[in-house]
Amino acid sequence: MPNGGSDNCGTCWFNAINEGEARHREEPKQDASEFAHCDLRDVDLPWPFWVYCANHQHHSRERLSFPVGPIYISRPEVGSPAYERTVFKPSPDTKEIRAELLRLLSEIRETPREEYPSQTTFDDEVIKQLMVFREERALADLRRVAGFAPGSKPIESMRDDTDRMSTVGCALEALASFVGDDALPEIREGLRQAAGPCREGEDYDWLVDRGWRLRVHVAAALRHLSLPAATEFLTVLGDDLNPRVAKVAQEVVTRVSEED
């Protein structure tokens, strides 16, 4: 089994080879593309144990009849860095899918539910797909989710990595993509609650700094702000002790410089 996560298409109940069950079938010696097929999306699945989506039973407890977000892949042969998920097949776009995603967004609550830990998180994929669709009917609920307490956890959760940091970050990024500088109050408050625990010169610990998952989305949101508004955050995020946050912020700085 690849180490990219057990929430892969090879184990999914929508994979035709699994005959509607959530189970693991040993990957054959060849690619398995001749029989691995997603019944939900009507898509063949090359490398089924290296592709993923939010409809997998590890993320959605319902057997939904519509896709949530794209199919991701983690396969160096197709340009995806090892264990980093990149879009393999985008989501289809229909009015029915949009309506269902808006419904799911309206049902997101501040207290998260327990979910299999991976780069693909159900609520985040709902938000990201509505941003991709440029679905402005999502605005009111995006503001609502952006106002969640990022540190909210499931009641009696035994895990430290289940909170609303990434979900609030996704909502802030989506909100900025729609309303630009009008998202500044929410962005400032989100950053205040997601400040890193370390200062320059201290040892940085990814596990202690849960807020980086929010800050990386805010860094990405800067591309949707005016230059004066983005400048307020660029220096801080560009020097962030988390390398992913700093990298995204520096990419925005480079783009701004090129545009000037």
C-alpha atoms as a PDB file:
ATOM      1  CA  MET A   1       0.000   0.000   0.000  1.00  0.00           C
ATOM      2  CA  PRO A   2       1.488   3.406  -0.918  1.00  0.00           C
ATOM      3  CA  ASN A   3       2.197   5.759   1.970  1.00  0.00           C
ATOM      4  CA  GLY A   4       0.159   8.598   0.430  1.00  0.00           C
ATOM      5  CA  GLY A   5      -2.846   7.650   2.542  1.00  0.00           C
ATOM      6  CA  SER A   6      -5.449   4.891   2.773  1.00  0.00           C
ATOM      7  CA  ASP A   7      -8.128   7.346   1.541  1.00  0.00           C
ATOM      8  CA  ASN A   8      -7.202   6.400  -2.020  1.00  0.00           C
ATOM      9  CA  CYS A   9      -9.380   5.278  -4.909  1.00  0.00           C
ATOM     10  CA  GLY A  10      -8.084   1.736  -4.645  1.00  0.00           C
ATOM     11  CA  THR A  11      -9.979   1.312  -1.361  1.00  0.00           C
ATOM     12  CA  CYS A  12     -13.032   3.426  -2.254  1.00  0.00           C
ATOM     13  CA  TRP A  13     -16.603   2.182  -2.433  1.00  0.00           C
ATOM     14  CA  PHE A  14     -17.051   4.059  -5.740  1.00  0.00           C
ATOM     15  CA  ASN A  15     -14.260   2.079  -7.422  1.00  0.00           C
ATOM     16  CA  ALA A  16     -16.045  -0.415  -9.670  1.00  0.00           C
ATOM     17  CA  ILE A  17     -13.581  -3.182  -8.826  1.00  0.00           C
ATOM     18  CA  ASN A  18     -14.712  -3.012  -5.186  1.00  0.00           C
ATOM     19  CA  GLU A  19     -18.312  -3.734  -6.172  1.00  0.00           C
ATOM     20  CA  GLY A  20     -19.806  -1.013  -4.001  1.00  0.00           C
ATOM     21  CA  GLU A  21     -17.908  -1.945  -0.857  1.00  0.00           C
ATOM     22  CA  ALA A  22     -15.310  -0.022   1.111  1.00  0.00           C
ATOM     23  CA  ARG A  23     -12.375  -2.390   1.017  1.00  0.00           C
ATOM     24  CA  HIS A  24      -8.794  -2.936  -0.081  1.00  0.00           C
ATOM     25  CA  ARG A  25      -7.913  -5.094  -3.070  1.00  0.00           C
ATOM     26  CA  GLU A  26      -4.263  -5.790  -3.704  1.00  0.00           C
ATOM     27  CA  GLU A  27      -2.880  -3.651  -6.508  1.00  0.00           C
ATOM     28  CA  PRO A  28      -2.106  -5.868  -9.512  1.00  0.00           C
ATOM     29  CA  LYS A  29       1.304  -5.992 -11.120  1.00  0.00           C
ATOM     30  CA  GLN A  30       0.207  -3.689 -13.931  1.00  0.00           C
ATOM     31  CA  ASP A  31      -1.383  -0.232 -13.619  1.00  0.00           C
ATOM     32  CA  ALA A  32      -4.898  -1.604 -13.121  1.00  0.00           C
ATOM     33  CA  SER A  33      -6.238   1.143 -15.391  1.00  0.00           C
ATOM     34  CA  GLU A  34      -7.976  -1.557 -17.434  1.00  0.00           C
ATOM     35  CA  PHE A  35     -10.480  -2.171 -14.631  1.00  0.00           C
ATOM     36  CA  ALA A  36     -10.148   0.575 -11.981  1.00  0.00           C
ATOM     37  CA  HIS A  37     -13.019   2.957 -12.679  1.00  0.00           C
ATOM     38  CA  CYS A  38     -14.854   5.545 -10.584  1.00  0.00           C
ATOM     39  CA  ASP A  39     -18.565   4.894 -10.890  1.00  0.00           C
ATOM     40  CA  LEU A  40     -19.415   8.252  -9.300  1.00  0.00           C
ATOM     41  CA  ARG A  41     -17.457  10.374 -11.768  1.00  0.00           C
ATOM     42  CA  ASP A  42     -17.334   7.912 -14.682  1.00  0.00           C
ATOM     43  CA  VAL A  43     -13.545   8.247 -14.849  1.00  0.00           C
ATOM     44  CA  ASP A  44     -10.898   5.558 -15.350  1.00  0.00           C
ATOM     45  CA  LEU A  45      -8.408   5.400 -12.501  1.00  0.00           C
ATOM     46  CA  PRO A  46      -4.802   4.772 -13.481  1.00  0.00           C
ATOM     47  CA  TRP A  47      -2.702   4.206 -10.368  1.00  0.00           C
ATOM     48  CA  PRO A  48      -5.826   3.805  -8.167  1.00  0.00           C
ATOM     49  CA  PHE A  49      -3.763   3.652  -4.971  1.00  0.00           C
ATOM     50  CA  TRP A  50      -2.232   7.056  -5.725  1.00  0.00           C
ATOM     51  CA  VAL A  51      -5.384   9.058  -6.489  1.00  0.00           C
ATOM     52  CA  TYR A  52      -7.836  10.536  -3.983  1.00  0.00           C
ATOM     53  CA  CYS A  53     -11.010  12.569  -3.553  1.00  0.00           C
ATOM     54  CA  ALA A  54     -13.283  13.850  -0.791  1.00  0.00           C
ATOM     55  CA  ASN A  55     -16.054  11.378  -1.651  1.00  0.00           C
ATOM     56  CA  HIS A  56     -14.000   8.523  -0.181  1.00  0.00           C
ATOM     57  CA  GLN A  57     -15.646   6.894   2.830  1.00  0.00           C
ATOM     58  CA  HIS A  58     -12.798   8.131   5.051  1.00  0.00           C
ATOM     59  CA  HIS A  59     -14.053  11.683   4.438  1.00  0.00           C
ATOM     60  CA  SER A  60     -17.763  11.423   3.656  1.00  0.00           C
ATOM     61  CA  ARG A  61     -19.954   9.198   5.776  1.00  0.00           C
ATOM     62  CA  GLU A  62     -22.697   9.445   3.172  1.00  0.00           C
ATOM     63  CA  ARG A  63     -22.505   7.761  -0.198  1.00  0.00           C
ATOM     64  CA  LEU A  64     -23.080  11.042  -2.005  1.00  0.00           C
ATOM     65  CA  SER A  65     -24.424  10.945  -5.544  1.00  0.00           C
ATOM     66  CA  PHE A  66     -22.348  13.928  -6.744  1.00  0.00           C
ATOM     67  CA  PRO A  67     -18.616  14.722  -6.741  1.00  0.00           C
ATOM     68  CA  VAL A  68     -17.091  16.985  -4.092  1.00  0.00           C
ATOM     69  CA  GLY A  69     -13.988  18.669  -5.476  1.00  0.00           C
ATOM     70  CA  PRO A  70     -11.470  17.240  -7.930  1.00  0.00           C
ATOM     71  CA  ILE A  71      -9.608  13.954  -8.042  1.00  0.00           C
ATOM     72  CA  TYR A  72      -6.077  14.437  -6.714  1.00  0.00           C
ATOM     73  CA  ILE A  73      -2.937  12.505  -7.560  1.00  0.00           C
ATOM     74  CA  SER A  74       0.376  11.970  -5.796  1.00  0.00           C
ATOM     75  CA  ARG A  75       2.567  10.452  -8.479  1.00  0.00           C
ATOM     76  CA  PRO A  76       6.016  11.766  -9.517  1.00  0.00           C
ATOM     77  CA  GLU A  77       5.627  10.256 -13.014  1.00  0.00           C
ATOM     78  CA  VAL A  78       2.930  12.819 -13.810  1.00  0.00           C
ATOM     79  CA  GLY A  79       4.673  15.761 -12.194  1.00  0.00           C
ATOM     80  CA  SER A  80       3.102  15.501  -8.756  1.00  0.00           C
ATOM     81  CA  PRO A  81       5.730  15.568  -5.985  1.00  0.00           C
ATOM     82  CA  ALA A  82       5.812  12.441  -3.871  1.00  0.00           C
ATOM     83  CA  TYR A  83       3.078  12.594  -1.216  1.00  0.00           C
ATOM     84  CA  GLU A  84       1.931  16.052  -2.367  1.00  0.00           C
ATOM     85  CA  ARG A  85      -1.559  15.907  -3.873  1.00  0.00           C
ATOM     86  CA  THR A  86      -2.186  17.888  -7.040  1.00  0.00           C
ATOM     87  CA  VAL A  87      -5.307  18.056  -9.192  1.00  0.00           C
ATOM     88  CA  PHE A  88      -5.577  15.096 -11.573  1.00  0.00           C
ATOM     89  CA  LYS A  89      -9.170  15.456 -12.818  1.00  0.00           C
ATOM     90  CA  PRO A  90     -11.206  18.621 -12.100  1.00  0.00           C
ATOM     91  CA  SER A  91     -14.743  18.402 -10.815  1.00  0.00           C
ATOM     92  CA  PRO A  92     -17.532  18.505 -13.380  1.00  0.00           C
ATOM     93  CA  ASP A  93     -19.605  21.686 -13.178  1.00  0.00           C
ATOM     94  CA  THR A  94     -23.390  21.476 -13.252  1.00  0.00           C
ATOM     95  CA  LYS A  95     -26.122  23.509 -11.564  1.00  0.00           C
ATOM     96  CA  GLU A  96     -27.043  20.428  -9.545  1.00  0.00           C
ATOM     97  CA  ILE A  97     -23.482  20.011  -8.224  1.00  0.00           C
ATOM     98  CA  ARG A  98     -23.308  23.713  -7.354  1.00  0.00           C
ATOM     99  CA  ALA A  99     -26.596  23.497  -5.462  1.00  0.00           C
ATOM    100  CA  GLU A 100     -25.386  20.491  -3.469  1.00  0.00           C
ATOM    101  CA  LEU A 101     -22.082  22.168  -2.625  1.00  0.00           C
ATOM    102  CA  LEU A 102     -23.926  25.265  -1.412  1.00  0.00           C
ATOM    103  CA  ARG A 103     -26.057  22.998   0.775  1.00  0.00           C
ATOM    104  CA  LEU A 104     -22.974  21.311   2.219  1.00  0.00           C
ATOM    105  CA  LEU A 105     -21.370  24.694   2.893  1.00  0.00           C
ATOM    106  CA  SER A 106     -24.474  25.834   4.779  1.00  0.00           C
ATOM    107  CA  GLU A 107     -24.195  22.717   6.968  1.00  0.00           C
ATOM    108  CA  ILE A 108     -20.572  23.284   8.047  1.00  0.00           C
ATOM    109  CA  ARG A 109     -20.459  23.930  11.790  1.00  0.00           C
ATOM    110  CA  GLU A 110     -17.795  25.444  13.999  1.00  0.00           C
ATOM    111  CA  THR A 111     -17.132  22.191  15.832  1.00  0.00           C
ATOM    112  CA  PRO A 112     -15.514  19.819  13.329  1.00  0.00           C
ATOM    113  CA  ARG A 113     -16.143  16.107  13.182  1.00  0.00           C
ATOM    114  CA  GLU A 114     -13.433  13.486  13.380  1.00  0.00           C
ATOM    115  CA  GLU A 115     -12.018  12.704   9.939  1.00  0.00           C
ATOM    116  CA  TYR A 116      -9.184  10.655   8.488  1.00  0.00           C
ATOM    117  CA  PRO A 117      -6.095  12.919   8.555  1.00  0.00           C
ATOM    118  CA  SER A 118      -4.845  13.685   5.055  1.00  0.00           C
ATOM    119  CA  GLN A 119      -4.358  16.556   2.621  1.00  0.00           C
ATOM    120  CA  THR A 120      -7.937  16.025   1.418  1.00  0.00           C
ATOM    121  CA  THR A 121     -10.477  17.265   3.974  1.00  0.00           C
ATOM    122  CA  PHE A 122     -14.180  17.194   3.194  1.00  0.00           C
ATOM    123  CA  ASP A 123     -15.303  20.656   4.345  1.00  0.00           C
ATOM    124  CA  ASP A 124     -12.220  22.295   2.854  1.00  0.00           C
ATOM    125  CA  GLU A 125     -12.890  20.667  -0.517  1.00  0.00           C
ATOM    126  CA  VAL A 126     -16.454  22.014  -0.504  1.00  0.00           C
ATOM    127  CA  ILE A 127     -15.140  25.548   0.030  1.00  0.00           C
ATOM    128  CA  LYS A 128     -12.302  25.269  -2.468  1.00  0.00           C
ATOM    129  CA  GLN A 129     -14.580  23.932  -5.190  1.00  0.00           C
ATOM    130  CA  LEU A 130     -17.078  26.767  -4.736  1.00  0.00           C
ATOM    131  CA  MET A 131     -14.146  29.178  -5.093  1.00  0.00           C
ATOM    132  CA  VAL A 132     -13.068  27.438  -8.298  1.00  0.00           C
ATOM    133  CA  PHE A 133     -16.642  27.685  -9.593  1.00  0.00           C
ATOM    134  CA  ARG A 134     -16.725  31.419  -8.704  1.00  0.00           C
ATOM    135  CA  GLU A 135     -20.040  30.729  -6.973  1.00  0.00           C
ATOM    136  CA  GLU A 136     -20.934  34.053  -5.345  1.00  0.00           C
ATOM    137  CA  ARG A 137     -24.035  32.609  -3.690  1.00  0.00           C
ATOM    138  CA  ALA A 138     -21.539  31.146  -1.202  1.00  0.00           C
ATOM    139  CA  LEU A 139     -20.523  34.566   0.169  1.00  0.00           C
ATOM    140  CA  ALA A 140     -22.741  34.693   3.255  1.00  0.00           C
ATOM    141  CA  ASP A 141     -21.701  31.236   4.421  1.00  0.00           C
ATOM    142  CA  LEU A 142     -18.047  31.920   3.618  1.00  0.00           C
ATOM    143  CA  ARG A 143     -18.160  34.902   5.977  1.00  0.00           C
ATOM    144  CA  ARG A 144     -19.836  32.712   8.588  1.00  0.00           C
ATOM    145  CA  VAL A 145     -17.167  29.988   8.353  1.00  0.00           C
ATOM    146  CA  ALA A 146     -14.368  32.583   8.250  1.00  0.00           C
ATOM    147  CA  GLY A 147     -15.597  33.752  11.657  1.00  0.00           C
ATOM    148  CA  PHE A 148     -15.213  30.330  13.300  1.00  0.00           C
ATOM    149  CA  ALA A 149     -12.753  29.945  16.155  1.00  0.00           C
ATOM    150  CA  PRO A 150      -9.840  28.266  14.306  1.00  0.00           C
ATOM    151  CA  GLY A 151      -8.890  26.187  17.316  1.00  0.00           C
ATOM    152  CA  SER A 152     -12.320  24.529  17.649  1.00  0.00           C
ATOM    153  CA  LYS A 153     -12.047  20.768  18.148  1.00  0.00           C
ATOM    154  CA  PRO A 154     -14.473  17.864  18.260  1.00  0.00           C
ATOM    155  CA  ILE A 155     -15.798  17.187  21.730  1.00  0.00           C
ATOM    156  CA  GLU A 156     -13.537  14.709  23.548  1.00  0.00           C
ATOM    157  CA  SER A 157     -11.223  14.435  20.529  1.00  0.00           C
ATOM    158  CA  MET A 158      -8.124  12.344  21.174  1.00  0.00           C
ATOM    159  CA  ARG A 159      -6.205  13.948  18.290  1.00  0.00           C
ATOM    160  CA  ASP A 160      -4.305  17.217  18.209  1.00  0.00           C
ATOM    161  CA  ASP A 161      -4.637  17.753  14.453  1.00  0.00           C
ATOM    162  CA  THR A 162      -8.430  18.052  14.247  1.00  0.00           C
ATOM    163  CA  ASP A 163      -9.463  21.704  14.378  1.00  0.00           C
ATOM    164  CA  ARG A 164     -10.782  24.440  12.106  1.00  0.00           C
ATOM    165  CA  MET A 165      -7.457  26.060  11.137  1.00  0.00           C
ATOM    166  CA  SER A 166      -7.422  24.913   7.507  1.00  0.00           C
ATOM    167  CA  THR A 167     -11.186  25.317   7.073  1.00  0.00           C
ATOM    168  CA  VAL A 168     -11.146  28.923   8.295  1.00  0.00           C
ATOM    169  CA  GLY A 169      -8.101  29.499   6.078  1.00  0.00           C
ATOM    170  CA  CYS A 170      -9.927  28.116   3.034  1.00  0.00           C
ATOM    171  CA  ALA A 171     -12.907  30.355   3.785  1.00  0.00           C
ATOM    172  CA  LEU A 172     -10.670  33.425   4.100  1.00  0.00           C
ATOM    173  CA  GLU A 173      -8.917  32.670   0.812  1.00  0.00           C
ATOM    174  CA  ALA A 174     -12.229  32.101  -0.963  1.00  0.00           C
ATOM    175  CA  LEU A 175     -13.726  35.240   0.557  1.00  0.00           C
ATOM    176  CA  ALA A 176     -10.769  37.344  -0.595  1.00  0.00           C
ATOM    177  CA  SER A 177     -11.069  35.892  -4.097  1.00  0.00           C
ATOM    178  CA  PHE A 178     -14.657  37.203  -4.249  1.00  0.00           C
ATOM    179  CA  VAL A 179     -14.539  40.526  -2.397  1.00  0.00           C
ATOM    180  CA  GLY A 180     -10.863  41.529  -2.356  1.00  0.00           C
ATOM    181  CA  ASP A 181     -10.024  44.179   0.238  1.00  0.00           C
ATOM    182  CA  ASP A 182     -13.470  43.884   1.822  1.00  0.00           C
ATOM    183  CA  ALA A 183     -12.184  40.669   3.407  1.00  0.00           C
ATOM    184  CA  LEU A 184      -9.507  42.535   5.396  1.00  0.00           C
ATOM    185  CA  PRO A 185     -11.343  42.501   8.765  1.00  0.00           C
ATOM    186  CA  GLU A 186     -11.759  38.740   8.611  1.00  0.00           C
ATOM    187  CA  ILE A 187      -8.171  38.223   7.435  1.00  0.00           C
ATOM    188  CA  ARG A 188      -6.744  40.310  10.272  1.00  0.00           C
ATOM    189  CA  GLU A 189      -8.773  38.434  12.868  1.00  0.00           C
ATOM    190  CA  GLY A 190      -7.869  35.056  11.396  1.00  0.00           C
ATOM    191  CA  LEU A 191      -4.166  35.878  11.473  1.00  0.00           C
ATOM    192  CA  ARG A 192      -4.428  37.132  15.034  1.00  0.00           C
ATOM    193  CA  GLN A 193      -5.752  33.742  16.099  1.00  0.00           C
ATOM    194  CA  ALA A 194      -3.253  31.754  14.026  1.00  0.00           C
ATOM    195  CA  ALA A 195      -0.028  33.476  15.025  1.00  0.00           C
ATOM    196  CA  GLY A 196       2.962  31.147  15.142  1.00  0.00           C
ATOM    197  CA  PRO A 197       4.227  30.111  18.597  1.00  0.00           C
ATOM    198  CA  CYS A 198       7.891  30.666  17.745  1.00  0.00           C
ATOM    199  CA  ARG A 199      10.008  33.782  17.337  1.00  0.00           C
ATOM    200  CA  GLU A 200      13.106  34.328  15.229  1.00  0.00           C
ATOM    201  CA  GLY A 201      16.013  32.330  16.561  1.00  0.00           C
ATOM    202  CA  GLU A 202      13.871  29.704  18.256  1.00  0.00           C
ATOM    203  CA  ASP A 203      13.594  26.118  17.070  1.00  0.00           C
ATOM    204  CA  TYR A 204      10.540  25.731  14.859  1.00  0.00           C
ATOM    205  CA  ASP A 205       8.192  22.807  15.437  1.00  0.00           C
ATOM    206  CA  TRP A 206       5.538  22.018  12.814  1.00  0.00           C
ATOM    207  CA  LEU A 207       3.564  19.979  15.350  1.00  0.00           C
ATOM    208  CA  VAL A 208       3.345  22.820  17.859  1.00  0.00           C
ATOM    209  CA  ASP A 209       2.432  25.416  15.242  1.00  0.00           C
ATOM    210  CA  ARG A 210      -1.095  24.379  14.261  1.00  0.00           C
ATOM    211  CA  GLY A 211      -1.824  27.847  12.871  1.00  0.00           C
ATOM    212  CA  TRP A 212       0.392  27.506   9.804  1.00  0.00           C
ATOM    213  CA  ARG A 213      -2.469  25.713   8.029  1.00  0.00           C
ATOM    214  CA  LEU A 214      -4.531  28.900   8.292  1.00  0.00           C
ATOM    215  CA  ARG A 215      -1.667  31.280   7.511  1.00  0.00           C
ATOM    216  CA  VAL A 216      -0.767  29.488   4.277  1.00  0.00           C
ATOM    217  CA  HIS A 217      -4.274  30.181   2.937  1.00  0.00           C
ATOM    218  CA  VAL A 218      -4.033  33.825   3.983  1.00  0.00           C
ATOM    219  CA  ALA A 219      -0.729  34.054   2.138  1.00  0.00           C
ATOM    220  CA  ALA A 220      -2.460  32.680  -0.951  1.00  0.00           C
ATOM    221  CA  ALA A 221      -5.331  35.145  -0.432  1.00  0.00           C
ATOM    222  CA  LEU A 222      -2.945  38.104  -0.776  1.00  0.00           C
ATOM    223  CA  ARG A 223      -2.956  37.703  -4.551  1.00  0.00           C
ATOM    224  CA  HIS A 224      -6.603  38.806  -4.491  1.00  0.00           C
ATOM    225  CA  LEU A 225      -5.953  42.010  -2.515  1.00  0.00           C
ATOM    226  CA  SER A 226      -4.847  45.432  -3.692  1.00  0.00           C
ATOM    227  CA  LEU A 227      -1.133  46.113  -3.358  1.00  0.00           C
ATOM    228  CA  PRO A 228      -1.507  48.481  -0.364  1.00  0.00           C
ATOM    229  CA  ALA A 229      -3.649  45.934   1.454  1.00  0.00           C
ATOM    230  CA  ALA A 230      -1.384  43.000   0.627  1.00  0.00           C
ATOM    231  CA  THR A 231       1.712  44.931   1.729  1.00  0.00           C
ATOM    232  CA  GLU A 232       0.328  44.958   5.282  1.00  0.00           C
ATOM    233  CA  PHE A 233       0.864  41.202   5.477  1.00  0.00           C
ATOM    234  CA  LEU A 234       3.620  40.404   2.979  1.00  0.00           C
ATOM    235  CA  THR A 235       6.585  41.141   5.246  1.00  0.00           C
ATOM    236  CA  VAL A 236       5.199  39.190   8.181  1.00  0.00           C
ATOM    237  CA  LEU A 237       4.128  36.166   6.142  1.00  0.00           C
ATOM    238  CA  GLY A 238       7.195  36.317   3.879  1.00  0.00           C
ATOM    239  CA  ASP A 239       9.366  35.895   6.992  1.00  0.00           C
ATOM    240  CA  ASP A 240       7.105  33.240   8.524  1.00  0.00           C
ATOM    241  CA  LEU A 241       9.031  30.483  10.274  1.00  0.00           C
ATOM    242  CA  ASN A 242       6.899  27.891   8.520  1.00  0.00           C
ATOM    243  CA  PRO A 243       8.546  27.327   5.111  1.00  0.00           C
ATOM    244  CA  ARG A 244       5.279  26.666   3.271  1.00  0.00           C
ATOM    245  CA  VAL A 245       3.731  29.922   4.448  1.00  0.00           C
ATOM    246  CA  ALA A 246       6.879  31.877   3.598  1.00  0.00           C
ATOM    247  CA  LYS A 247       7.114  30.255   0.161  1.00  0.00           C
ATOM    248  CA  VAL A 248       3.549  31.180  -0.819  1.00  0.00           C
ATOM    249  CA  ALA A 249       3.984  34.742   0.460  1.00  0.00           C
ATOM    250  CA  GLN A 250       7.265  35.120  -1.415  1.00  0.00           C
ATOM    251  CA  GLU A 251       5.567  33.954  -4.610  1.00  0.00           C
ATOM    252  CA  VAL A 252       3.060  36.780  -4.167  1.00  0.00           C
ATOM    253  CA  VAL A 253       5.925  39.252  -3.601  1.00  0.00           C
ATOM    254  CA  THR A 254       7.601  38.064  -6.798  1.00  0.00           C
ATOM    255  CA  ARG A 255       4.371  38.424  -8.778  1.00  0.00           C
ATOM    256  CA  VAL A 256       3.796  41.949  -7.427  1.00  0.00           C
ATOM    257  CA  SER A 257       7.361  42.925  -8.353  1.00  0.00           C
ATOM    258  CA  GLU A 258       6.945  41.586 -11.868  1.00  0.00           C
ATOM    259  CA  GLU A 259       3.671  43.456 -12.316  1.00  0.00           C
ATOM    260  CA  ASP A 260       5.329  46.693 -11.219  1.00  0.00           C
END
